[in-house]
Protein backbone atom coordinates (compact mmCIF):
# COMPACT_ATOMS: atom_id res chain seq x y z
CA UNK A 1 28.92 28.35 2.26
CA UNK A 2 32.78 29.83 2.96
CA UNK A 3 34.65 30.96 -0.16
CA UNK A 4 37.63 29.25 -1.09
CA UNK A 5 40.14 28.78 -3.79
CA UNK A 6 39.54 25.13 -4.17
CA UNK A 7 35.76 25.24 -5.19
CA UNK A 8 34.76 23.32 -8.33
CA UNK A 9 34.61 25.25 -11.65
CA UNK A 10 31.35 27.20 -12.60
CA UNK A 11 29.33 25.64 -15.22
CA UNK A 12 29.92 26.79 -18.91
CA UNK A 13 28.15 25.50 -21.89
CA UNK A 14 30.85 25.25 -23.89
CA UNK A 15 31.36 21.36 -24.58
CA UNK A 16 29.18 20.20 -27.53
CA UNK A 17 26.95 17.44 -26.35
CA UNK A 18 26.46 18.61 -22.75
CA UNK A 19 23.24 19.67 -21.15
CA UNK A 20 24.27 23.21 -20.96
CA UNK A 21 25.29 23.21 -24.50
CA UNK A 22 22.03 21.66 -25.55
CA UNK A 23 19.89 24.18 -23.68
CA UNK A 24 21.61 27.08 -25.61
CA UNK A 25 22.00 25.16 -28.92
CA UNK A 26 18.65 23.61 -29.14
CA UNK A 27 16.46 24.88 -26.24
CA UNK A 28 16.63 28.70 -26.45
CA UNK A 29 16.08 28.78 -30.57
CA UNK A 30 13.05 26.73 -30.15
CA UNK A 31 12.06 28.99 -27.14
CA UNK A 32 12.31 32.18 -29.59
CA UNK A 33 10.33 30.27 -32.21
CA UNK A 34 7.54 29.64 -29.57
CA UNK A 35 7.46 33.24 -28.60
CA UNK A 36 7.16 34.28 -32.05
CA UNK A 37 4.01 32.03 -32.50
CA UNK A 38 2.40 33.00 -29.14
CA UNK A 39 1.78 36.91 -30.13
CA UNK A 40 1.11 38.49 -33.27
CA UNK A 41 4.36 40.76 -32.70
CA UNK A 42 4.91 43.49 -35.25
CA UNK A 43 7.67 43.78 -37.68
CA UNK A 44 10.21 45.55 -35.06
CA UNK A 45 9.74 42.81 -32.48
CA UNK A 46 9.90 39.96 -34.85
CA UNK A 47 13.08 41.54 -36.14
CA UNK A 48 14.53 41.89 -32.53
CA UNK A 49 13.70 38.26 -31.69
CA UNK A 50 15.29 37.00 -34.91
CA UNK A 51 18.49 39.00 -34.27
CA UNK A 52 18.75 37.66 -30.61
CA UNK A 53 18.24 34.22 -32.18
CA UNK A 54 21.56 34.83 -34.19
CA UNK A 55 23.56 36.13 -31.35
CA UNK A 56 22.90 33.58 -29.13
CA UNK A 57 23.57 30.41 -31.42
CA UNK A 58 26.54 31.83 -33.69
CA UNK A 59 27.40 35.35 -32.68
CA UNK A 60 28.45 36.91 -29.48
CA UNK A 61 27.23 38.84 -26.60
CA UNK A 62 25.82 42.28 -27.38
CA UNK A 63 24.49 44.98 -24.82
CA UNK A 64 20.97 45.39 -24.06
CA UNK A 65 19.07 47.81 -26.26
CA UNK A 66 16.11 49.12 -24.01
CA UNK A 67 16.52 51.83 -21.02
CA UNK A 68 14.59 49.89 -18.43
CA UNK A 69 14.98 50.38 -15.13
CA UNK A 70 17.61 47.55 -14.22
CA UNK A 71 19.42 48.63 -17.71
CA UNK A 72 22.58 49.96 -15.74
CA UNK A 73 22.58 46.87 -13.47
CA UNK A 74 22.70 44.40 -16.41
CA UNK A 75 25.37 46.97 -18.17
CA UNK A 76 27.54 46.40 -15.23
CA UNK A 77 26.82 42.55 -15.16
CA UNK A 78 27.51 42.29 -18.85
CA UNK A 79 30.89 44.11 -18.87
CA UNK A 80 33.14 41.23 -18.58
CA UNK A 81 31.35 39.08 -21.40
CA UNK A 82 30.50 41.50 -24.14
CA UNK A 83 32.05 40.39 -27.33
CA UNK A 84 32.42 36.77 -26.02
CA UNK A 85 30.33 33.82 -27.40
CA UNK A 86 27.47 32.79 -25.42
CA UNK A 87 28.86 29.25 -24.71
CA UNK A 88 32.11 30.67 -23.24
CA UNK A 89 30.55 32.68 -20.43
CA UNK A 90 28.96 31.03 -16.95
CA UNK A 91 25.95 29.21 -17.76
CA UNK A 92 23.82 30.65 -15.43
CA UNK A 93 24.58 34.17 -16.45
CA UNK A 94 24.11 33.31 -19.82
CA UNK A 95 20.89 31.76 -19.36
CA UNK A 96 19.46 34.85 -17.22
CA UNK A 97 20.92 37.29 -19.93
CA UNK A 98 18.99 35.63 -22.66
CA UNK A 99 15.88 35.81 -20.99
CA UNK A 100 16.30 39.27 -20.08
CA UNK A 101 17.58 39.98 -24.14
CA UNK A 102 13.91 38.39 -24.96
CA UNK A 103 12.06 40.85 -22.63
CA UNK A 104 14.05 43.68 -24.63
CA UNK A 105 13.33 42.21 -27.98
CA UNK A 106 9.55 42.21 -27.25
CA UNK A 107 9.38 45.66 -26.00
CA UNK A 108 8.30 44.46 -22.42
CA UNK A 109 9.43 47.62 -20.55
CA UNK A 110 9.15 50.06 -23.31
CA UNK A 111 6.42 52.63 -23.18
CA UNK A 112 3.54 51.45 -25.84
CA UNK A 113 1.02 49.08 -26.23
CA UNK A 114 3.27 46.04 -25.65
CA UNK A 115 4.62 47.03 -22.47
CA UNK A 116 4.01 44.73 -19.52
CA UNK A 117 2.77 41.91 -22.03
CA UNK A 118 4.25 38.76 -20.88
CA UNK A 119 5.78 36.80 -23.84
CA UNK A 120 5.29 33.46 -22.08
CA UNK A 121 1.75 34.00 -20.93
CA UNK A 122 -0.16 32.14 -23.95
CA UNK A 123 2.25 28.86 -23.02
CA UNK A 124 1.43 29.04 -19.23
CA UNK A 125 -2.31 29.65 -20.01
CA UNK A 126 -2.32 26.44 -22.08
CA UNK A 127 -0.85 24.45 -19.56
CA UNK A 128 -3.43 25.92 -16.73
CA UNK A 129 -6.34 24.94 -19.21
CA UNK A 130 -4.71 21.57 -19.95
CA UNK A 131 -6.81 18.26 -19.84
CA UNK A 132 -5.20 16.80 -16.97
CA UNK A 133 -5.59 19.48 -14.56
CA UNK A 134 -9.15 19.12 -13.91
CA UNK A 135 -8.49 15.39 -13.00
CA UNK A 136 -5.48 16.54 -10.93
CA UNK A 137 -7.66 18.98 -8.91
CA UNK A 138 -10.30 16.52 -8.50
CA UNK A 139 -7.59 14.09 -6.75
CA UNK A 140 -7.57 16.54 -3.69
CA UNK A 141 -11.01 15.32 -2.80
CA UNK A 142 -9.43 11.97 -2.20
CA UNK A 143 -7.38 13.60 0.52
CA UNK A 144 -10.26 14.44 2.85
CA UNK A 145 -10.40 11.01 4.39
CA UNK A 146 -6.54 10.33 4.85
CA UNK A 147 -5.02 10.36 7.87
CA UNK A 148 -2.96 13.57 8.54
CA UNK A 149 0.44 12.17 7.89
CA UNK A 150 -0.62 10.95 4.65
CA UNK A 151 -2.04 14.20 3.78
CA UNK A 152 1.16 15.66 4.79
CA UNK A 153 3.09 13.03 2.51
CA UNK A 154 0.47 13.52 -0.29
CA UNK A 155 0.71 17.65 -0.59
CA UNK A 156 4.54 17.39 -0.30
CA UNK A 157 4.83 14.70 -3.01
CA UNK A 158 2.52 16.48 -5.19
CA UNK A 159 4.43 19.98 -4.67
CA UNK A 160 7.83 17.94 -5.40
CA UNK A 161 6.64 16.49 -8.50
CA UNK A 162 4.13 19.21 -9.47
CA UNK A 163 5.69 19.33 -13.20
CA UNK A 164 5.00 15.63 -13.59
CA UNK A 165 1.30 14.70 -14.36
CA UNK A 166 2.04 11.21 -13.76
CA UNK A 167 2.61 11.93 -10.11
CA UNK A 168 0.08 14.14 -8.88
CA UNK A 169 -2.70 14.41 -6.12
CA UNK A 170 -4.52 11.36 -7.37
CA UNK A 171 -1.91 8.87 -7.73
CA UNK A 172 -0.06 9.87 -4.45
CA UNK A 173 -3.49 9.74 -2.71
CA UNK A 174 -4.03 6.22 -4.38
CA UNK A 175 -0.52 5.26 -3.22
CA UNK A 176 0.16 4.36 -6.68
CA UNK A 177 3.53 2.60 -7.08
CA UNK A 178 4.88 0.00 -9.37
CA UNK A 179 5.71 -2.13 -6.45
CA UNK A 180 9.37 -1.80 -6.82
CA UNK A 181 11.82 0.21 -4.96
CA UNK A 182 14.43 1.99 -6.95
CA UNK A 183 17.76 1.07 -5.53
CA UNK A 184 19.23 4.60 -5.76
CA UNK A 185 16.02 6.13 -3.68
CA UNK A 186 16.98 4.03 -0.29
CA UNK A 187 13.13 3.17 0.39
CA UNK A 188 12.02 6.73 -0.47
CA UNK A 189 9.05 7.27 -3.09
CA UNK A 190 10.57 5.63 -6.05
CA UNK A 191 12.47 8.38 -8.14
CA UNK A 192 13.16 10.54 -5.07
CA UNK A 193 17.00 10.07 -4.41
CA UNK A 194 17.15 11.88 -0.84
CA UNK A 195 13.76 12.39 1.16
CA UNK A 196 14.16 14.28 4.05
CA UNK A 197 10.44 15.05 4.37
CA UNK A 198 10.26 13.62 8.00
CA UNK A 199 13.05 16.12 8.91
CA UNK A 200 11.03 18.77 7.07
CA UNK A 201 7.91 18.43 9.09
CA UNK A 202 9.87 18.29 12.43
CA UNK A 203 10.68 22.11 11.71
CA UNK A 204 6.77 22.87 11.56
CA UNK A 205 5.53 22.51 14.98
CA UNK A 206 1.66 23.18 15.16
CA UNK A 207 2.38 24.17 18.64
CA UNK A 208 4.81 26.79 17.88
CA UNK A 209 3.39 27.83 14.22
CA UNK A 210 5.58 30.72 12.89
CA UNK A 211 6.60 31.99 9.46
CA UNK A 212 7.27 29.94 6.07
CA UNK A 213 8.89 31.16 3.31
CA UNK A 214 8.38 29.57 -0.15
CA UNK A 215 10.25 30.68 -3.17
CA UNK A 216 8.14 29.87 -6.18
CA UNK A 217 9.52 28.21 -9.34
CA UNK A 218 7.26 27.44 -12.23
CA UNK A 219 3.78 29.00 -13.07
CA UNK A 220 0.61 27.02 -14.02
CA UNK A 221 0.36 23.23 -13.44
CA UNK A 222 3.46 23.51 -11.05
CA UNK A 223 2.31 26.31 -9.08
CA UNK A 224 -1.27 24.79 -8.11
CA UNK A 225 0.18 22.02 -5.64
CA UNK A 226 2.60 24.69 -4.45
CA UNK A 227 -0.48 26.68 -3.52
CA UNK A 228 -2.00 23.72 -2.14
CA UNK A 229 1.04 22.99 -0.01
CA UNK A 230 0.61 26.69 1.24
CA UNK A 231 -3.01 26.37 2.17
CA UNK A 232 -2.13 22.82 4.09
CA UNK A 233 0.64 24.44 5.97
CA UNK A 234 -1.83 27.32 7.11
CA UNK A 235 -4.74 25.31 7.29
CA UNK A 236 -3.03 22.65 9.41
CA UNK A 237 -1.53 25.23 11.72
CA UNK A 238 1.94 24.35 10.55
CA UNK A 239 2.51 27.97 9.65
CA UNK A 240 0.80 31.15 11.00
CA UNK A 241 2.23 33.20 8.10
CA UNK A 242 3.55 32.28 4.54
CA UNK A 243 5.35 34.71 2.29
CA UNK A 244 5.21 33.19 -1.28
CA UNK A 245 8.20 34.90 -3.20
CA UNK A 246 7.52 35.33 -7.08
CA UNK A 247 9.15 36.78 -9.83
CA UNK A 248 8.52 40.76 -10.31
CA UNK A 249 8.17 39.86 -14.07
CA UNK A 250 8.55 37.41 -16.30
CA UNK A 251 12.03 35.27 -16.10
CA UNK A 252 12.69 31.98 -17.35
CA UNK A 253 9.98 30.69 -19.76
CA UNK A 254 7.65 29.68 -17.07
CA UNK A 255 8.52 31.34 -13.79
CA UNK A 256 5.80 32.26 -11.65
CA UNK A 257 4.99 35.76 -11.17
CA UNK A 258 2.16 37.71 -9.28
CA UNK A 259 -0.37 37.58 -12.17
CA UNK A 260 0.33 33.78 -12.66
CA UNK A 261 -0.48 33.07 -8.85
CA UNK A 262 -3.62 34.93 -9.14
CA UNK A 263 -4.51 32.76 -12.16
CA UNK A 264 -3.90 29.70 -10.37
CA UNK A 265 -5.95 31.15 -7.60
CA UNK A 266 -8.82 32.01 -9.84
CA UNK A 267 -8.53 28.23 -11.35
CA UNK A 268 -8.64 26.53 -7.98
CA UNK A 269 -11.52 28.81 -6.93
CA UNK A 270 -13.54 27.75 -10.30
CA UNK A 271 -12.97 24.04 -9.85
CA UNK A 272 -15.22 21.61 -7.79
CA UNK A 273 -14.69 20.29 -4.31
CA UNK A 274 -11.99 20.76 -2.21
CA UNK A 275 -9.82 22.50 -5.05
CA UNK A 276 -12.33 25.23 -4.74
CA UNK A 277 -12.41 25.15 -0.90
CA UNK A 278 -8.45 25.68 -0.94
CA UNK A 279 -8.82 28.44 -3.51
CA UNK A 280 -10.99 30.27 -1.43
CA UNK A 281 -9.30 29.73 1.61
CA UNK A 282 -5.90 31.00 0.21
CA UNK A 283 -7.87 34.27 -1.27
CA UNK A 284 -8.80 34.80 2.03
CA UNK A 285 -5.33 34.36 3.51
CA UNK A 286 -4.32 36.93 1.32
CA UNK A 287 -6.87 39.37 2.40
CA UNK A 288 -6.21 38.81 6.05
CA UNK A 289 -2.46 38.98 5.67
CA UNK A 290 -1.66 35.31 6.54
CA UNK A 291 -0.42 34.74 3.06
CA UNK A 292 1.67 37.47 1.46
CA UNK A 293 2.91 37.56 -1.99
CA UNK A 294 6.40 38.98 -2.09
CA UNK A 295 8.61 39.99 -4.90
CA UNK A 296 11.89 41.25 -5.29
CA UNK A 297 14.44 42.38 -8.47
CA UNK A 298 16.99 39.89 -6.87
CA UNK A 299 14.65 37.04 -8.40
CA UNK A 300 15.56 38.17 -12.01
CA UNK A 301 19.22 38.38 -11.39
CA UNK A 302 22.08 36.22 -12.78
CA UNK A 303 23.11 35.49 -9.04
CA UNK A 304 23.22 32.71 -6.57
CA UNK A 305 21.85 33.12 -3.30
CA UNK A 306 25.06 34.00 -1.68
CA UNK A 307 24.61 37.41 -3.09
CA UNK A 308 20.90 37.82 -1.71
CA UNK A 309 20.67 41.54 -0.58
CA UNK A 310 20.02 42.51 2.84
CA UNK A 311 16.45 43.04 2.66
CA UNK A 312 15.89 39.55 1.62
CA UNK A 313 18.24 38.03 3.85
CA UNK A 314 16.60 39.74 6.82
CA UNK A 315 12.91 38.27 5.36
CA UNK A 316 14.41 34.63 5.57
CA UNK A 317 16.41 35.12 8.99
CA UNK A 318 13.09 34.96 10.76
CA UNK A 319 11.40 32.13 9.03
CA UNK A 320 11.01 28.75 10.60
CA UNK A 321 11.79 27.54 7.37
CA UNK A 322 12.09 28.50 3.82
CA UNK A 323 11.20 25.99 0.96
CA UNK A 324 12.98 26.33 -2.14
CA UNK A 325 11.24 24.94 -5.36
CA UNK A 326 12.77 23.84 -8.41
CA UNK A 327 15.81 23.26 -10.46
CA UNK A 328 16.89 26.69 -11.11
CA UNK A 329 16.33 27.84 -7.57
CA UNK A 330 18.59 25.06 -6.41
CA UNK A 331 21.23 25.80 -8.65
CA UNK A 332 21.25 29.02 -7.19
CA UNK A 333 21.06 27.97 -3.76
CA UNK A 334 24.23 25.51 -3.88
CA UNK A 335 26.07 27.66 -6.37
CA UNK A 336 26.05 26.48 -10.23
CA UNK A 337 29.36 24.47 -10.02
CA UNK A 338 30.58 21.02 -10.83
CA UNK A 339 30.16 19.82 -7.31
CA UNK A 340 30.84 16.13 -6.33
CA UNK A 341 27.69 14.65 -5.94
CA UNK A 342 28.52 13.48 -2.39
CA UNK A 343 29.48 17.04 -1.39
CA UNK A 344 27.16 17.53 1.69
CA UNK A 345 24.11 19.65 1.27
CA UNK A 346 24.47 21.17 4.57
CA UNK A 347 27.91 22.37 3.97
CA UNK A 348 26.93 23.98 0.67
CA UNK A 349 23.71 25.67 2.28
CA UNK A 350 25.20 26.84 5.88
CA UNK A 351 25.24 30.43 4.61
CA UNK A 352 21.54 30.50 4.18
CA UNK A 353 20.00 32.65 7.09
CA UNK A 354 17.16 30.09 8.11
CA UNK A 355 16.53 26.28 8.21
CA UNK A 356 15.91 25.45 4.36
CA UNK A 357 14.24 22.82 2.34
CA UNK A 358 15.06 22.21 -1.35
CA UNK A 359 12.10 20.47 -3.33
CA UNK A 360 13.63 19.91 -6.82
CA UNK A 361 13.22 17.49 -9.81
CA UNK A 362 16.85 17.20 -11.43
CA UNK A 363 16.91 18.73 -14.90
CA UNK A 364 20.79 19.80 -14.67
CA UNK A 365 23.92 18.69 -13.79
CA UNK A 366 24.30 20.31 -10.57
CA UNK A 367 23.50 18.20 -7.55
CA UNK A 368 24.89 17.57 -3.85
CA UNK A 369 23.95 15.63 -0.73
CA UNK A 370 23.48 12.38 -2.34
CA UNK A 371 24.57 8.87 -0.35
CA UNK A 372 27.56 7.48 -2.25
CA UNK A 373 25.73 4.37 -2.92
CA UNK A 374 22.91 5.98 -4.44
CA UNK A 375 25.38 7.87 -7.04
CA UNK A 376 27.27 4.56 -7.91
CA UNK A 377 23.89 2.92 -8.68
CA UNK A 378 22.59 6.00 -10.78
CA UNK A 379 26.00 6.05 -12.60
CA UNK A 380 25.81 2.45 -13.36
CA UNK A 381 22.13 2.19 -14.93
CA UNK A 382 21.64 5.98 -16.41
CA UNK A 383 23.85 8.02 -18.31
CA UNK A 384 21.72 11.08 -18.16
CA UNK A 385 19.93 10.84 -14.52
CA UNK A 386 20.93 14.13 -13.48
CA UNK A 387 19.10 15.82 -16.32
CA UNK A 388 16.20 13.41 -17.34
CA UNK A 389 13.68 14.87 -15.05
CA UNK A 390 12.98 11.34 -13.55
CA UNK A 391 14.61 11.86 -10.13
CA UNK A 392 13.97 14.04 -7.27
CA UNK A 393 15.28 15.40 -3.82
CA UNK A 394 13.56 16.59 -0.74
CA UNK A 395 16.88 17.99 0.84
CA UNK A 396 16.65 19.78 4.25
CA UNK A 397 19.10 21.60 6.45
CA UNK A 398 18.17 22.86 9.80
């Protein structure tokens, strides 16, 4: 994307009642309470978490109080914002700094017994052990008798709607719909406003399999169908190699790390039927180098993908396709600004070094690449369609 002076403003959270405001005002305090409940933290950690709660809700931005390896980078990043209200700085930066401050508060980087203890692990583990996961994985058995194109559709839709238990493998395999088509979806799967899936598959030719990069989003129940999609790309010959990019350490509350990926692989392998088959295939793909787990400090930085470092750009440059999962990654892909929703997706992602596909459920205000007719319909029928989690996008720029 070309830098111009007429770009819309960066999203802030200083408008009471707005979605970004509600994240800082409501969601972050609840998150701190859940972290306090998740581990029996000693008094010092409890105090630091409660102090962060006071700062983030009614105070101002303070410097980091640990000396981890990324401290200097965050010190420079925070310099323009120190002493300001959390609501008055760019929302993407404020969210990222909040989560980094959570890690500082619980001593994640400090030498000692709490070093490396994921504050969000109990939340992720509970989801992975949830009652619905077994039924979702059992639904994989129903894909074995489907035509190839329907399997393509099933695994892609499951990855798209991975954090929506009502649209998992079983319902997709059964072709479950309510028999209606949302006027905003233009004939796509109900709830999917833009569906470029046919275009996505044309970029993955089994006759010329190449490298596919996948930038993961959430762990646990969302990462399971992402891994199934990775297995499908490898097993169907759509990809010769897949590079799965995960976070180097906990970032947003449920973001996937290497440990989370291994937990999901164990969950797949311990299941029955096709889930176990796929889990074992994925483990073997890691052993043989066809599936690579990759990470980079950039994934935990408060920056959009326009600022990706040279080594990451080079990794994506030789990929046949990069699949970008989730809402936060979408915001980082197109830039966290108040775009008109009809702004062409191709224009906003032209800078990206490979063909790119975004699989995203709408959970924030940022959106682009929508038909004007869909925007008109959605605006007329729903006040919160951008943030409700009821609508999704599969957008591709080749």
